Amino acid sequence: MTWARQAGSSRPAEDKSWLAGVKAEERERMEVRDGLAARTVAGHCKDAQECAELLAMLGLDASSGRRSVTG
C-alpha cells in the first residue's frame, strides 16, 4: 500500500504560518457575514424584542451589525 503525501511545504513552520493566515482571513470573512446577517435581521423585525430573539436563535450578536462592513 502507498501513502499519498499531503500537498504543501516540506517545512512545517511554513505550513503553520500559511494556515494561520488562512484562518485569519476566514475569521474576517465570518465577521463581515455575521454583521450583514445581523443588519438584515434587524431590518426585517417589528421591534427590538423580536430582533433580539431572532439574533439569539441564529447565534448572532447585535453588536456585530454595528461594526463597519468592509469587503
Protein backbone atom coordinates (compact mmCIF):
# COMPACT_ATOMS: atom_id res chain seq x y z
CA MET A 1 0.00 0.00 0.00
CA THR A 2 1.28 3.51 -0.79
CA TRP A 3 0.57 6.66 1.14
CA ALA A 4 -0.29 9.89 -0.63
CA ARG A 5 1.72 12.85 0.57
CA GLN A 6 -0.13 15.95 1.71
CA ALA A 7 0.30 18.95 -0.55
CA GLY A 8 2.27 21.81 0.94
CA SER A 9 5.70 22.81 2.04
CA SER A 10 8.18 20.30 3.37
CA ARG A 11 8.83 22.74 6.24
CA PRO A 12 6.18 22.57 8.97
CA ALA A 13 6.81 26.15 10.15
CA GLU A 14 5.83 27.49 6.73
CA ASP A 15 2.69 25.35 6.71
CA LYS A 16 1.68 26.69 10.13
CA SER A 17 2.17 30.34 9.13
CA TRP A 18 0.20 29.78 5.94
CA LEU A 19 -2.61 28.11 7.87
CA ALA A 20 -2.64 30.93 10.42
CA GLY A 21 -3.10 33.40 7.56
CA VAL A 22 -5.94 31.38 6.08
CA LYS A 23 -7.67 31.18 9.46
CA ALA A 24 -7.32 34.95 9.99
CA GLU A 25 -8.86 35.64 6.58
CA GLU A 26 -11.72 33.27 7.34
CA ARG A 27 -12.40 34.96 10.69
CA GLU A 28 -12.56 38.32 8.94
CA ARG A 29 -14.99 36.98 6.30
CA MET A 30 -17.18 35.47 9.02
CA GLU A 31 -17.29 38.77 10.93
CA VAL A 32 -18.42 40.58 7.79
CA ARG A 33 -21.01 37.87 7.05
CA ASP A 34 -22.35 37.94 10.62
CA GLY A 35 -22.57 41.73 10.52
CA LEU A 36 -24.56 41.67 7.31
CA ALA A 37 -26.83 38.96 8.67
CA ALA A 38 -27.48 40.93 11.87
CA ARG A 39 -28.33 44.04 9.86
CA THR A 40 -30.67 42.05 7.62
CA VAL A 41 -32.47 40.56 10.62
CA ALA A 42 -32.75 43.97 12.29
CA GLY A 43 -34.17 45.48 9.13
CA HIS A 44 -37.00 42.94 9.00
CA CYS A 45 -38.06 42.88 12.66
CA LYS A 46 -41.10 44.67 14.03
CA ASP A 47 -39.47 45.57 17.37
CA ALA A 48 -36.34 45.21 19.47
CA GLN A 49 -37.59 42.14 21.33
CA GLU A 50 -38.25 40.23 18.12
CA CYS A 51 -34.85 41.28 16.81
CA ALA A 52 -33.09 40.07 19.97
CA GLU A 53 -34.92 36.73 19.83
CA LEU A 54 -34.10 36.13 16.16
CA LEU A 55 -30.46 37.09 16.60
CA ALA A 56 -30.20 34.70 19.55
CA MET A 57 -31.76 31.90 17.50
CA LEU A 58 -29.21 32.46 14.76
CA GLY A 59 -26.31 32.69 17.20
CA LEU A 60 -25.58 36.28 16.21
CA ASP A 61 -24.65 39.24 18.39
CA ALA A 62 -26.35 42.59 17.86
CA SER A 63 -23.01 44.36 18.13
CA SER A 64 -21.76 42.55 15.02
CA GLY A 65 -24.24 44.59 12.97
CA ARG A 66 -22.74 47.84 14.27
CA ARG A 67 -19.25 47.12 13.02
CA SER A 68 -18.06 48.71 9.83
CA VAL A 69 -18.71 46.37 6.93
CA THR A 70 -15.80 46.09 4.50
CA GLY A 71 -15.42 43.77 1.62
